Amino acid sequence: MNFRKNFNLKDFNTFKINAKTNFFIKINTLKSLKFIFQCKKFKYLPKFILGNGSNTLFVKDFNGLIIKLNLKGKFIIKEYSYHVIIASFAGESWTNFVIWNVNQGFSGLENLSLIPGTVGAASIQNIGAYGVEIKDILIGLYAYEIKTGKIVFFSKKECELNYRNSIFKNKLKNKYVILFIYFFLRKKKKKFNLLYKEVIEELEKMKIIKPTLKNITQAIINIRTNKIPNPIKIGNCGSFFKNPIINNNYYNFLIEKYPNIIGYFFSKNLVKLSAGWLIEKSGWKGKRIGNVGIYNKSSNIIVNYGTTNGIDIYTFSKRIIDDVNKKFGIILDREVIIV
């Protein structure tokens, strides 16, 4: 096994932060993963599972072992008349997984096109976009239990998926490694989610009247390409903050003061606000301090213009949180994982 010592993580996080880790290893097999967690040499060493580093901000060097999970492969498990069960290893690229399914003619993932990261991270995060979340299509997953070395199945219910969250981000944090995920997709009688104005407008721009699966996929790709900078060119992690969810009473209070506030009904008594709108109206759109700034096309994207220190980005985000709270009485929650 190829362990790297004093390893620089700059090429393994999309913010391009120059953090180091004592030990680094790529894991390509389940056997290798088991060895890492059962090896006495590494037993008491702090460990961090890294996907594509597209939702991670390193604010300091990591005193331990970074494990780059590289388990790959995607499969058609079973086909029925109108739907199909698909499975993927956790290290598979989410974007490649979506495109592979679209090319097969399987629908359900198209609104999640071009979201960076891996399939495993997508499941932990319960990623979502344009009215669709992982919880809408996930069947269940297998995970490696670190303490016992057992492989355990979790149903969708047991994963406790909610807005940008799952049981693996709270109660079971650092206790399991996601290995293999099952999804339920449609083959026929496709029901596309076209509730978002942005998507409809993009399809109109494309002069599409009766959209197909590939049309919608391309529309989502166009939107995201226009809104989110390429991390190869400008370091970023996409959306930095979660869209805050507030109760109806407070939403009604805010809408009296700010009639143009952007909000979507999340449930009977809750409304999800646009973090980008709150940030923009707090005076941060396009703002830059040193080598950190807000992207000029999307106020919920913090970009790295050249800093190698994650603390600069963290401090920048803290100032945004403070200003939004001062103006709106809402505390933004970071979507990006701080390490």
C-alpha atoms as a PDB file:
ATOM      1  CA  MET A   1       0.000   0.000   0.000  1.00  0.00           C
ATOM      2  CA  ASN A   2       1.333   3.390  -1.020  1.00  0.00           C
ATOM      3  CA  PHE A   3       1.254   5.645   2.053  1.00  0.00           C
ATOM      4  CA  ARG A   4       2.393   9.224   1.465  1.00  0.00           C
ATOM      5  CA  LYS A   5       3.930  11.164   4.363  1.00  0.00           C
ATOM      6  CA  ASN A   6       3.678  14.919   4.988  1.00  0.00           C
ATOM      7  CA  PHE A   7       1.393  15.072   1.973  1.00  0.00           C
ATOM      8  CA  ASN A   8       0.138  18.350   0.472  1.00  0.00           C
ATOM      9  CA  LEU A   9      -3.627  18.322  -0.137  1.00  0.00           C
ATOM     10  CA  LYS A  10      -3.734  21.293  -2.513  1.00  0.00           C
ATOM     11  CA  ASP A  11      -4.665  19.117  -5.513  1.00  0.00           C
ATOM     12  CA  PHE A  12      -7.285  17.222  -3.484  1.00  0.00           C
ATOM     13  CA  ASN A  13      -9.586  20.105  -2.492  1.00  0.00           C
ATOM     14  CA  THR A  14     -11.355  22.437  -4.903  1.00  0.00           C
ATOM     15  CA  PHE A  15     -10.570  25.514  -2.796  1.00  0.00           C
ATOM     16  CA  LYS A  16      -6.895  24.748  -3.586  1.00  0.00           C
ATOM     17  CA  ILE A  17      -5.851  25.219   0.048  1.00  0.00           C
ATOM     18  CA  ASN A  18      -2.229  24.373   0.821  1.00  0.00           C
ATOM     19  CA  ALA A  19      -2.875  22.138   3.863  1.00  0.00           C
ATOM     20  CA  LYS A  20      -0.801  19.066   4.702  1.00  0.00           C
ATOM     21  CA  THR A  21      -1.579  15.748   6.326  1.00  0.00           C
ATOM     22  CA  ASN A  22       0.800  13.427   8.203  1.00  0.00           C
ATOM     23  CA  PHE A  23      -0.309  10.457   6.106  1.00  0.00           C
ATOM     24  CA  PHE A  24      -2.306  10.093   2.884  1.00  0.00           C
ATOM     25  CA  ILE A  25      -3.486   7.018   1.010  1.00  0.00           C
ATOM     26  CA  LYS A  26      -5.801   6.195  -1.883  1.00  0.00           C
ATOM     27  CA  ILE A  27      -8.088   3.235  -1.221  1.00  0.00           C
ATOM     28  CA  ASN A  28      -9.190   1.243  -4.268  1.00  0.00           C
ATOM     29  CA  THR A  29     -10.545  -1.930  -2.630  1.00  0.00           C
ATOM     30  CA  LEU A  30     -12.627  -2.945   0.362  1.00  0.00           C
ATOM     31  CA  LYS A  31      -9.765  -5.171   1.510  1.00  0.00           C
ATOM     32  CA  SER A  32      -7.453  -2.138   1.692  1.00  0.00           C
ATOM     33  CA  LEU A  33     -10.067  -0.145   3.604  1.00  0.00           C
ATOM     34  CA  LYS A  34     -10.438  -2.907   6.192  1.00  0.00           C
ATOM     35  CA  PHE A  35      -6.673  -3.121   6.574  1.00  0.00           C
ATOM     36  CA  ILE A  36      -6.402   0.609   7.302  1.00  0.00           C
ATOM     37  CA  PHE A  37      -8.943   0.497  10.119  1.00  0.00           C
ATOM     38  CA  GLN A  38      -7.668  -2.793  11.576  1.00  0.00           C
ATOM     39  CA  CYS A  39      -3.955  -1.959  11.407  1.00  0.00           C
ATOM     40  CA  LYS A  40      -2.509  -1.314  14.904  1.00  0.00           C
ATOM     41  CA  LYS A  41      -0.134   1.298  13.519  1.00  0.00           C
ATOM     42  CA  PHE A  42      -3.035   3.569  12.558  1.00  0.00           C
ATOM     43  CA  LYS A  43      -5.598   2.526  15.170  1.00  0.00           C
ATOM     44  CA  TYR A  44      -5.413   5.685  17.290  1.00  0.00           C
ATOM     45  CA  LEU A  45      -4.564   8.073  14.468  1.00  0.00           C
ATOM     46  CA  PRO A  46      -7.339  10.564  13.536  1.00  0.00           C
ATOM     47  CA  LYS A  47      -8.766   9.715  10.127  1.00  0.00           C
ATOM     48  CA  PHE A  48     -10.732  11.660   7.553  1.00  0.00           C
ATOM     49  CA  ILE A  49     -12.491  10.161   4.523  1.00  0.00           C
ATOM     50  CA  LEU A  50     -12.050  12.375   1.475  1.00  0.00           C
ATOM     51  CA  GLY A  51     -14.117  12.197  -1.694  1.00  0.00           C
ATOM     52  CA  ASN A  52     -13.331  14.796  -4.358  1.00  0.00           C
ATOM     53  CA  GLY A  53     -12.702  17.564  -1.819  1.00  0.00           C
ATOM     54  CA  SER A  54     -15.448  19.651  -3.440  1.00  0.00           C
ATOM     55  CA  ASN A  55     -17.278  20.349  -0.178  1.00  0.00           C
ATOM     56  CA  THR A  56     -14.304  20.600   2.185  1.00  0.00           C
ATOM     57  CA  LEU A  57     -12.399  23.563   3.591  1.00  0.00           C
ATOM     58  CA  PHE A  58      -9.102  22.777   5.300  1.00  0.00           C
ATOM     59  CA  VAL A  59      -8.369  25.500   7.861  1.00  0.00           C
ATOM     60  CA  LYS A  60      -5.182  23.857   9.171  1.00  0.00           C
ATOM     61  CA  ASP A  61      -2.881  20.914   8.585  1.00  0.00           C
ATOM     62  CA  PHE A  62      -4.471  17.555   9.388  1.00  0.00           C
ATOM     63  CA  ASN A  63      -2.713  15.671  12.180  1.00  0.00           C
ATOM     64  CA  GLY A  64      -3.587  12.145  11.107  1.00  0.00           C
ATOM     65  CA  LEU A  65      -4.454  10.040   8.052  1.00  0.00           C
ATOM     66  CA  ILE A  66      -6.457  11.270   5.061  1.00  0.00           C
ATOM     67  CA  ILE A  67      -8.117   8.385   3.203  1.00  0.00           C
ATOM     68  CA  LYS A  68      -9.015   9.156  -0.414  1.00  0.00           C
ATOM     69  CA  LEU A  69     -11.904   6.785  -1.092  1.00  0.00           C
ATOM     70  CA  ASN A  70     -11.496   5.548  -4.648  1.00  0.00           C
ATOM     71  CA  LEU A  71     -13.964   2.634  -4.777  1.00  0.00           C
ATOM     72  CA  LYS A  72     -15.525   2.854  -8.246  1.00  0.00           C
ATOM     73  CA  GLY A  73     -18.094   1.119 -10.416  1.00  0.00           C
ATOM     74  CA  LYS A  74     -21.775   1.519 -11.350  1.00  0.00           C
ATOM     75  CA  PHE A  75     -24.261  -1.204 -12.229  1.00  0.00           C
ATOM     76  CA  ILE A  76     -27.801  -1.962 -13.333  1.00  0.00           C
ATOM     77  CA  ILE A  77     -29.029  -4.282 -10.580  1.00  0.00           C
ATOM     78  CA  LYS A  78     -32.537  -5.032 -11.836  1.00  0.00           C
ATOM     79  CA  GLU A  79     -34.853  -3.728 -14.558  1.00  0.00           C
ATOM     80  CA  TYR A  80     -38.636  -3.703 -14.456  1.00  0.00           C
ATOM     81  CA  SER A  81     -41.182  -2.483 -16.986  1.00  0.00           C
ATOM     82  CA  TYR A  82     -41.262   1.110 -15.758  1.00  0.00           C
ATOM     83  CA  HIS A  83     -38.348   1.502 -13.388  1.00  0.00           C
ATOM     84  CA  VAL A  84     -34.833   0.285 -12.670  1.00  0.00           C
ATOM     85  CA  ILE A  85     -32.577  -0.263  -9.660  1.00  0.00           C
ATOM     86  CA  ILE A  86     -29.094   1.184 -10.083  1.00  0.00           C
ATOM     87  CA  ALA A  87     -26.107   0.843  -7.741  1.00  0.00           C
ATOM     88  CA  SER A  88     -22.797   2.635  -7.472  1.00  0.00           C
ATOM     89  CA  PHE A  89     -19.675   2.456  -5.352  1.00  0.00           C
ATOM     90  CA  ALA A  90     -19.118   5.500  -3.162  1.00  0.00           C
ATOM     91  CA  GLY A  91     -15.983   6.751  -4.918  1.00  0.00           C
ATOM     92  CA  GLU A  92     -17.675   7.142  -8.293  1.00  0.00           C
ATOM     93  CA  SER A  93     -17.889  10.704  -9.649  1.00  0.00           C
ATOM     94  CA  TRP A  94     -21.431  12.020  -9.135  1.00  0.00           C
ATOM     95  CA  THR A  95     -21.404  13.882 -12.458  1.00  0.00           C
ATOM     96  CA  ASN A  96     -20.252  10.776 -14.361  1.00  0.00           C
ATOM     97  CA  PHE A  97     -22.906   8.719 -12.575  1.00  0.00           C
ATOM     98  CA  VAL A  98     -25.687  11.128 -13.578  1.00  0.00           C
ATOM     99  CA  ILE A  99     -24.592  11.310 -17.222  1.00  0.00           C
ATOM    100  CA  TRP A 100     -24.252   7.509 -17.410  1.00  0.00           C
ATOM    101  CA  ASN A 101     -27.853   7.094 -16.232  1.00  0.00           C
ATOM    102  CA  VAL A 102     -29.182   9.807 -18.551  1.00  0.00           C
ATOM    103  CA  ASN A 103     -27.483   8.095 -21.505  1.00  0.00           C
ATOM    104  CA  GLN A 104     -29.215   4.856 -20.485  1.00  0.00           C
ATOM    105  CA  GLY A 105     -32.540   6.710 -20.581  1.00  0.00           C
ATOM    106  CA  PHE A 106     -33.093   6.496 -16.813  1.00  0.00           C
ATOM    107  CA  SER A 107     -34.672   9.567 -15.232  1.00  0.00           C
ATOM    108  CA  GLY A 108     -34.698  10.931 -11.701  1.00  0.00           C
ATOM    109  CA  LEU A 109     -31.171  12.361 -11.476  1.00  0.00           C
ATOM    110  CA  GLU A 110     -31.291  14.977 -14.242  1.00  0.00           C
ATOM    111  CA  ASN A 111     -31.979  17.938 -11.911  1.00  0.00           C
ATOM    112  CA  LEU A 112     -28.831  17.005  -9.982  1.00  0.00           C
ATOM    113  CA  SER A 113     -26.570  17.281 -13.027  1.00  0.00           C
ATOM    114  CA  LEU A 114     -23.081  18.788 -12.686  1.00  0.00           C
ATOM    115  CA  ILE A 115     -23.031  18.780  -8.876  1.00  0.00           C
ATOM    116  CA  PRO A 116     -19.396  18.094  -7.938  1.00  0.00           C
ATOM    117  CA  GLY A 117     -18.283  15.325  -5.604  1.00  0.00           C
ATOM    118  CA  THR A 118     -18.717  11.579  -5.298  1.00  0.00           C
ATOM    119  CA  VAL A 119     -21.763   9.335  -5.051  1.00  0.00           C
ATOM    120  CA  GLY A 120     -20.929   8.502  -1.424  1.00  0.00           C
ATOM    121  CA  ALA A 121     -20.640  12.146  -0.391  1.00  0.00           C
ATOM    122  CA  ALA A 122     -23.868  12.953  -2.255  1.00  0.00           C
ATOM    123  CA  SER A 123     -25.698  10.382  -0.145  1.00  0.00           C
ATOM    124  CA  ILE A 124     -24.252  11.640   3.157  1.00  0.00           C
ATOM    125  CA  GLN A 125     -25.046  15.234   2.241  1.00  0.00           C
ATOM    126  CA  ASN A 126     -28.462  14.480   0.708  1.00  0.00           C
ATOM    127  CA  ILE A 127     -27.570  16.829  -2.130  1.00  0.00           C
ATOM    128  CA  GLY A 128     -30.384  18.621  -3.892  1.00  0.00           C
ATOM    129  CA  ALA A 129     -31.089  21.054  -6.695  1.00  0.00           C
ATOM    130  CA  TYR A 130     -34.114  22.416  -8.545  1.00  0.00           C
ATOM    131  CA  GLY A 131     -36.708  20.532  -6.515  1.00  0.00           C
ATOM    132  CA  VAL A 132     -34.976  17.129  -6.335  1.00  0.00           C
ATOM    133  CA  GLU A 133     -32.968  15.577  -3.492  1.00  0.00           C
ATOM    134  CA  ILE A 134     -31.149  12.276  -3.039  1.00  0.00           C
ATOM    135  CA  LYS A 135     -33.861  11.153  -0.620  1.00  0.00           C
ATOM    136  CA  ASP A 136     -36.335  11.136  -3.537  1.00  0.00           C
ATOM    137  CA  ILE A 137     -34.466   8.345  -5.328  1.00  0.00           C
ATOM    138  CA  LEU A 138     -32.331   6.528  -2.755  1.00  0.00           C
ATOM    139  CA  ILE A 139     -33.292   2.969  -1.763  1.00  0.00           C
ATOM    140  CA  GLY A 140     -30.518   2.273   0.729  1.00  0.00           C
ATOM    141  CA  LEU A 141     -26.794   1.785   1.122  1.00  0.00           C
ATOM    142  CA  TYR A 142     -24.075  -0.450   2.540  1.00  0.00           C
ATOM    143  CA  ALA A 143     -21.531   1.029   4.937  1.00  0.00           C
ATOM    144  CA  TYR A 144     -18.427  -0.234   6.718  1.00  0.00           C
ATOM    145  CA  GLU A 145     -18.748  -0.020  10.514  1.00  0.00           C
ATOM    146  CA  ILE A 146     -15.364   1.196  11.741  1.00  0.00           C
ATOM    147  CA  LYS A 147     -15.614  -0.181  15.276  1.00  0.00           C
ATOM    148  CA  THR A 148     -16.614  -3.752  14.378  1.00  0.00           C
ATOM    149  CA  GLY A 149     -15.379  -4.139  10.790  1.00  0.00           C
ATOM    150  CA  LYS A 150     -18.874  -5.272   9.739  1.00  0.00           C
ATOM    151  CA  ILE A 151     -20.660  -4.206   6.578  1.00  0.00           C
ATOM    152  CA  VAL A 152     -24.115  -2.910   7.484  1.00  0.00           C
ATOM    153  CA  PHE A 153     -27.139  -2.112   5.293  1.00  0.00           C
ATOM    154  CA  PHE A 154     -29.099   1.102   5.923  1.00  0.00           C
ATOM    155  CA  SER A 155     -32.528   1.595   4.389  1.00  0.00           C
ATOM    156  CA  LYS A 156     -33.529   5.069   3.211  1.00  0.00           C
ATOM    157  CA  LYS A 157     -35.520   5.551   6.411  1.00  0.00           C
ATOM    158  CA  GLU A 158     -32.542   4.532   8.542  1.00  0.00           C
ATOM    159  CA  CYS A 159     -30.334   7.059   6.721  1.00  0.00           C
ATOM    160  CA  GLU A 160     -32.539   9.832   8.195  1.00  0.00           C
ATOM    161  CA  LEU A 161     -32.167  12.081   5.182  1.00  0.00           C
ATOM    162  CA  ASN A 162     -33.316  15.670   5.467  1.00  0.00           C
ATOM    163  CA  TYR A 163     -32.202  19.023   4.104  1.00  0.00           C
ATOM    164  CA  ARG A 164     -28.439  18.681   3.391  1.00  0.00           C
ATOM    165  CA  ASN A 165     -28.199  16.199   6.224  1.00  0.00           C
ATOM    166  CA  SER A 166     -28.247  12.522   7.156  1.00  0.00           C
ATOM    167  CA  ILE A 167     -27.585  10.272  10.147  1.00  0.00           C
ATOM    168  CA  PHE A 168     -23.961  10.026   8.941  1.00  0.00           C
ATOM    169  CA  LYS A 169     -23.438  13.757   9.543  1.00  0.00           C
ATOM    170  CA  ASN A 170     -24.658  13.702  13.152  1.00  0.00           C
ATOM    171  CA  LYS A 171     -25.491  10.604  15.244  1.00  0.00           C
ATOM    172  CA  LEU A 172     -23.241   8.269  13.248  1.00  0.00           C
ATOM    173  CA  LYS A 173     -20.572  10.783  12.250  1.00  0.00           C
ATOM    174  CA  ASN A 174     -17.120   9.145  11.910  1.00  0.00           C
ATOM    175  CA  LYS A 175     -18.574   5.722  12.753  1.00  0.00           C
ATOM    176  CA  TYR A 176     -19.169   4.412   9.220  1.00  0.00           C
ATOM    177  CA  VAL A 177     -17.654   4.601   5.739  1.00  0.00           C
ATOM    178  CA  ILE A 178     -20.204   4.592   2.908  1.00  0.00           C
ATOM    179  CA  LEU A 179     -19.400   1.854   0.373  1.00  0.00           C
ATOM    180  CA  PHE A 180     -22.246   1.049  -2.021  1.00  0.00           C
ATOM    181  CA  ILE A 181     -25.505   2.897  -2.757  1.00  0.00           C
ATOM    182  CA  TYR A 182     -28.782   1.814  -4.413  1.00  0.00           C
ATOM    183  CA  PHE A 183     -31.098   4.133  -6.368  1.00  0.00           C
ATOM    184  CA  PHE A 184     -34.609   3.802  -7.792  1.00  0.00           C
ATOM    185  CA  LEU A 185     -34.959   5.451 -11.229  1.00  0.00           C
ATOM    186  CA  ARG A 186     -37.638   5.573 -13.923  1.00  0.00           C
ATOM    187  CA  LYS A 187     -37.482   4.043 -17.414  1.00  0.00           C
ATOM    188  CA  LYS A 188     -40.884   5.025 -18.790  1.00  0.00           C
ATOM    189  CA  LYS A 189     -43.636   7.466 -17.863  1.00  0.00           C
ATOM    190  CA  LYS A 190     -41.011   9.968 -16.882  1.00  0.00           C
ATOM    191  CA  LYS A 191     -42.220  12.739 -14.548  1.00  0.00           C
ATOM    192  CA  PHE A 192     -39.852  15.661 -14.858  1.00  0.00           C
ATOM    193  CA  ASN A 193     -39.557  18.248 -12.089  1.00  0.00           C
ATOM    194  CA  LEU A 194     -39.942  21.627 -13.782  1.00  0.00           C
ATOM    195  CA  LEU A 195     -41.121  23.703 -10.836  1.00  0.00           C
ATOM    196  CA  TYR A 196     -38.200  26.132 -10.876  1.00  0.00           C
ATOM    197  CA  LYS A 197     -38.540  29.250 -13.026  1.00  0.00           C
ATOM    198  CA  GLU A 198     -34.828  29.165 -13.859  1.00  0.00           C
ATOM    199  CA  VAL A 199     -35.150  25.756 -15.514  1.00  0.00           C
ATOM    200  CA  ILE A 200     -38.230  26.741 -17.518  1.00  0.00           C
ATOM    201  CA  GLU A 201     -36.530  29.930 -18.716  1.00  0.00           C
ATOM    202  CA  GLU A 202     -33.419  28.011 -19.798  1.00  0.00           C
ATOM    203  CA  LEU A 203     -35.530  25.515 -21.771  1.00  0.00           C
ATOM    204  CA  GLU A 204     -37.280  28.449 -23.462  1.00  0.00           C
ATOM    205  CA  LYS A 205     -33.874  29.934 -24.289  1.00  0.00           C
ATOM    206  CA  MET A 206     -32.969  26.567 -25.824  1.00  0.00           C
ATOM    207  CA  LYS A 207     -36.262  26.740 -27.806  1.00  0.00           C
ATOM    208  CA  ILE A 208     -37.481  23.470 -26.295  1.00  0.00           C
ATOM    209  CA  ILE A 209     -41.266  23.066 -26.164  1.00  0.00           C
ATOM    210  CA  LYS A 210     -41.554  19.395 -25.154  1.00  0.00           C
ATOM    211  CA  PRO A 211     -38.404  18.672 -23.139  1.00  0.00           C
ATOM    212  CA  THR A 212     -36.789  15.264 -23.151  1.00  0.00           C
ATOM    213  CA  LEU A 213     -34.569  13.782 -20.452  1.00  0.00           C
ATOM    214  CA  LYS A 214     -31.446  14.968 -22.270  1.00  0.00           C
ATOM    215  CA  ASN A 215     -32.939  18.438 -22.848  1.00  0.00           C
ATOM    216  CA  ILE A 216     -33.513  18.930 -19.121  1.00  0.00           C
ATOM    217  CA  THR A 217     -30.071  17.576 -18.272  1.00  0.00           C
ATOM    218  CA  GLN A 218     -28.475  20.039 -20.693  1.00  0.00           C
ATOM    219  CA  ALA A 219     -30.573  22.908 -19.316  1.00  0.00           C
ATOM    220  CA  ILE A 220     -29.385  22.179 -15.768  1.00  0.00           C
ATOM    221  CA  ILE A 221     -25.777  21.932 -16.977  1.00  0.00           C
ATOM    222  CA  ASN A 222     -26.132  25.282 -18.765  1.00  0.00           C
ATOM    223  CA  ILE A 223     -27.516  26.968 -15.647  1.00  0.00           C
ATOM    224  CA  ARG A 224     -24.851  25.601 -13.332  1.00  0.00           C
ATOM    225  CA  THR A 225     -22.031  26.345 -15.792  1.00  0.00           C
ATOM    226  CA  ASN A 226     -23.174  29.963 -15.956  1.00  0.00           C
ATOM    227  CA  LYS A 227     -23.623  30.357 -12.178  1.00  0.00           C
ATOM    228  CA  ILE A 228     -20.701  28.404 -10.738  1.00  0.00           C
ATOM    229  CA  PRO A 229     -17.060  29.065 -11.636  1.00  0.00           C
ATOM    230  CA  ASN A 230     -14.891  26.190 -12.796  1.00  0.00           C
ATOM    231  CA  PRO A 231     -12.808  25.210  -9.709  1.00  0.00           C
ATOM    232  CA  ILE A 232      -9.859  24.439 -11.990  1.00  0.00           C
ATOM    233  CA  LYS A 233      -9.753  28.148 -12.845  1.00  0.00           C
ATOM    234  CA  ILE A 234     -11.105  29.708  -9.618  1.00  0.00           C
ATOM    235  CA  GLY A 235     -10.997  27.782  -6.339  1.00  0.00           C
ATOM    236  CA  ASN A 236     -14.469  27.260  -4.834  1.00  0.00           C
ATOM    237  CA  CYS A 237     -16.796  24.651  -3.323  1.00  0.00           C
ATOM    238  CA  GLY A 238     -20.021  25.708  -5.017  1.00  0.00           C
ATOM    239  CA  SER A 239     -22.743  26.817  -2.599  1.00  0.00           C
ATOM    240  CA  PHE A 240     -21.019  27.671   0.670  1.00  0.00           C
ATOM    241  CA  PHE A 241     -24.070  28.166   2.921  1.00  0.00           C
ATOM    242  CA  LYS A 242     -27.266  26.191   3.378  1.00  0.00           C
ATOM    243  CA  ASN A 243     -30.489  27.948   2.457  1.00  0.00           C
ATOM    244  CA  PRO A 244     -31.950  28.805   5.891  1.00  0.00           C
ATOM    245  CA  ILE A 245     -35.325  27.381   6.886  1.00  0.00           C
ATOM    246  CA  ILE A 246     -37.556  29.578   9.046  1.00  0.00           C
ATOM    247  CA  ASN A 247     -41.110  29.402  10.387  1.00  0.00           C
ATOM    248  CA  ASN A 248     -44.050  31.061   8.620  1.00  0.00           C
ATOM    249  CA  ASN A 249     -44.505  33.734  11.281  1.00  0.00           C
ATOM    250  CA  TYR A 250     -40.963  35.043  10.912  1.00  0.00           C
ATOM    251  CA  TYR A 251     -41.220  34.808   7.124  1.00  0.00           C
ATOM    252  CA  ASN A 252     -44.366  36.968   7.214  1.00  0.00           C
ATOM    253  CA  PHE A 253     -42.504  39.468   9.405  1.00  0.00           C
ATOM    254  CA  LEU A 254     -39.600  39.611   6.942  1.00  0.00           C
ATOM    255  CA  ILE A 255     -41.790  39.876   3.863  1.00  0.00           C
ATOM    256  CA  GLU A 256     -43.410  43.039   5.257  1.00  0.00           C
ATOM    257  CA  LYS A 257     -39.970  44.658   5.481  1.00  0.00           C
ATOM    258  CA  TYR A 258     -38.530  43.044   2.348  1.00  0.00           C
ATOM    259  CA  PRO A 259     -41.336  42.335  -0.184  1.00  0.00           C
ATOM    260  CA  ASN A 260     -38.865  40.925  -2.732  1.00  0.00           C
ATOM    261  CA  ILE A 261     -37.366  38.337  -0.370  1.00  0.00           C
ATOM    262  CA  ILE A 262     -36.966  34.942  -2.052  1.00  0.00           C
ATOM    263  CA  GLY A 263     -38.645  32.100  -0.192  1.00  0.00           C
ATOM    264  CA  TYR A 264     -40.083  28.672  -1.010  1.00  0.00           C
ATOM    265  CA  PHE A 265     -42.559  26.768   1.136  1.00  0.00           C
ATOM    266  CA  PHE A 266     -40.578  23.890   2.642  1.00  0.00           C
ATOM    267  CA  SER A 267     -43.474  22.355   4.582  1.00  0.00           C
ATOM    268  CA  LYS A 268     -46.770  23.423   6.077  1.00  0.00           C
ATOM    269  CA  ASN A 269     -45.191  25.725   8.671  1.00  0.00           C
ATOM    270  CA  LEU A 270     -41.702  26.302   7.268  1.00  0.00           C
ATOM    271  CA  VAL A 271     -40.198  28.409   4.484  1.00  0.00           C
ATOM    272  CA  LYS A 272     -36.771  27.969   2.863  1.00  0.00           C
ATOM    273  CA  LEU A 273     -35.054  31.257   2.051  1.00  0.00           C
ATOM    274  CA  SER A 274     -32.365  31.926  -0.518  1.00  0.00           C
ATOM    275  CA  ALA A 275     -29.001  32.289   1.230  1.00  0.00           C
ATOM    276  CA  GLY A 276     -27.702  34.030  -1.888  1.00  0.00           C
ATOM    277  CA  TRP A 277     -30.433  36.693  -1.705  1.00  0.00           C
ATOM    278  CA  LEU A 278     -29.746  37.347   1.989  1.00  0.00           C
ATOM    279  CA  ILE A 279     -26.013  37.647   1.318  1.00  0.00           C
ATOM    280  CA  GLU A 280     -26.539  39.973  -1.650  1.00  0.00           C
ATOM    281  CA  LYS A 281     -28.915  42.244   0.270  1.00  0.00           C
ATOM    282  CA  SER A 282     -26.376  42.369   3.098  1.00  0.00           C
ATOM    283  CA  GLY A 283     -23.982  44.042   0.672  1.00  0.00           C
ATOM    284  CA  TRP A 284     -21.671  41.137  -0.150  1.00  0.00           C
ATOM    285  CA  LYS A 285     -22.347  40.360  -3.810  1.00  0.00           C
ATOM    286  CA  GLY A 286     -19.094  40.639  -5.755  1.00  0.00           C
ATOM    287  CA  LYS A 287     -17.226  41.846  -2.662  1.00  0.00           C
ATOM    288  CA  ARG A 288     -13.574  40.934  -2.263  1.00  0.00           C
ATOM    289  CA  ILE A 289     -11.235  41.124   0.717  1.00  0.00           C
ATOM    290  CA  GLY A 290      -7.643  40.294  -0.143  1.00  0.00           C
ATOM    291  CA  ASN A 291      -7.611  37.010  -2.054  1.00  0.00           C
ATOM    292  CA  VAL A 292     -11.122  35.885  -1.036  1.00  0.00           C
ATOM    293  CA  GLY A 293     -14.404  37.086  -2.501  1.00  0.00           C
ATOM    294  CA  ILE A 294     -18.013  36.438  -3.453  1.00  0.00           C
ATOM    295  CA  TYR A 295     -18.556  35.302  -7.024  1.00  0.00           C
ATOM    296  CA  ASN A 296     -20.185  38.057  -9.068  1.00  0.00           C
ATOM    297  CA  LYS A 297     -22.776  35.709 -10.623  1.00  0.00           C
ATOM    298  CA  SER A 298     -23.907  33.955  -7.445  1.00  0.00           C
ATOM    299  CA  SER A 299     -23.792  35.415  -3.947  1.00  0.00           C
ATOM    300  CA  ASN A 300     -23.693  32.024  -2.207  1.00  0.00           C
ATOM    301  CA  ILE A 301     -20.348  31.093  -3.740  1.00  0.00           C
ATOM    302  CA  ILE A 302     -17.125  32.078  -1.989  1.00  0.00           C
ATOM    303  CA  VAL A 303     -14.146  32.029  -4.337  1.00  0.00           C
ATOM    304  CA  ASN A 304     -10.432  31.795  -3.742  1.00  0.00           C
ATOM    305  CA  TYR A 305      -8.454  34.329  -5.776  1.00  0.00           C
ATOM    306  CA  GLY A 306      -5.095  33.107  -4.546  1.00  0.00           C
ATOM    307  CA  THR A 307      -4.899  32.489  -0.811  1.00  0.00           C
ATOM    308  CA  THR A 308      -3.289  29.231   0.314  1.00  0.00           C
ATOM    309  CA  ASN A 309      -4.664  29.552   3.867  1.00  0.00           C
ATOM    310  CA  GLY A 310      -8.121  28.158   4.631  1.00  0.00           C
ATOM    311  CA  ILE A 311      -8.474  30.475   7.634  1.00  0.00           C
ATOM    312  CA  ASP A 312      -8.796  33.419   5.219  1.00  0.00           C
ATOM    313  CA  ILE A 313     -11.877  31.812   3.647  1.00  0.00           C
ATOM    314  CA  TYR A 314     -13.300  30.793   7.022  1.00  0.00           C
ATOM    315  CA  THR A 315     -12.883  34.344   8.394  1.00  0.00           C
ATOM    316  CA  PHE A 316     -14.503  35.782   5.274  1.00  0.00           C
ATOM    317  CA  SER A 317     -17.490  33.456   5.739  1.00  0.00           C
ATOM    318  CA  LYS A 318     -17.763  34.470   9.415  1.00  0.00           C
ATOM    319  CA  ARG A 319     -18.084  38.127   8.429  1.00  0.00           C
ATOM    320  CA  ILE A 320     -20.911  37.224   6.051  1.00  0.00           C
ATOM    321  CA  ILE A 321     -22.693  35.248   8.786  1.00  0.00           C
ATOM    322  CA  ASP A 322     -22.412  38.205  11.171  1.00  0.00           C
ATOM    323  CA  ASP A 323     -23.742  40.737   8.641  1.00  0.00           C
ATOM    324  CA  VAL A 324     -26.702  38.579   7.555  1.00  0.00           C
ATOM    325  CA  ASN A 325     -27.600  37.957  11.191  1.00  0.00           C
ATOM    326  CA  LYS A 326     -27.378  41.673  11.978  1.00  0.00           C
ATOM    327  CA  LYS A 327     -29.626  42.650   9.061  1.00  0.00           C
ATOM    328  CA  PHE A 328     -32.166  39.802   9.000  1.00  0.00           C
ATOM    329  CA  GLY A 329     -31.874  38.039  12.373  1.00  0.00           C
ATOM    330  CA  ILE A 330     -30.936  34.802  10.578  1.00  0.00           C
ATOM    331  CA  ILE A 331     -27.783  32.774  11.246  1.00  0.00           C
ATOM    332  CA  LEU A 332     -26.469  31.106   8.113  1.00  0.00           C
ATOM    333  CA  ASP A 333     -25.137  27.571   8.437  1.00  0.00           C
ATOM    334  CA  ARG A 334     -22.114  26.510   6.402  1.00  0.00           C
ATOM    335  CA  GLU A 335     -22.788  23.688   3.966  1.00  0.00           C
ATOM    336  CA  VAL A 336     -19.056  23.206   3.428  1.00  0.00           C
ATOM    337  CA  ILE A 337     -17.316  20.814   5.866  1.00  0.00           C
ATOM    338  CA  ILE A 338     -14.645  22.543   7.949  1.00  0.00           C
ATOM    339  CA  VAL A 339     -11.570  20.373   8.722  1.00  0.00           C
END
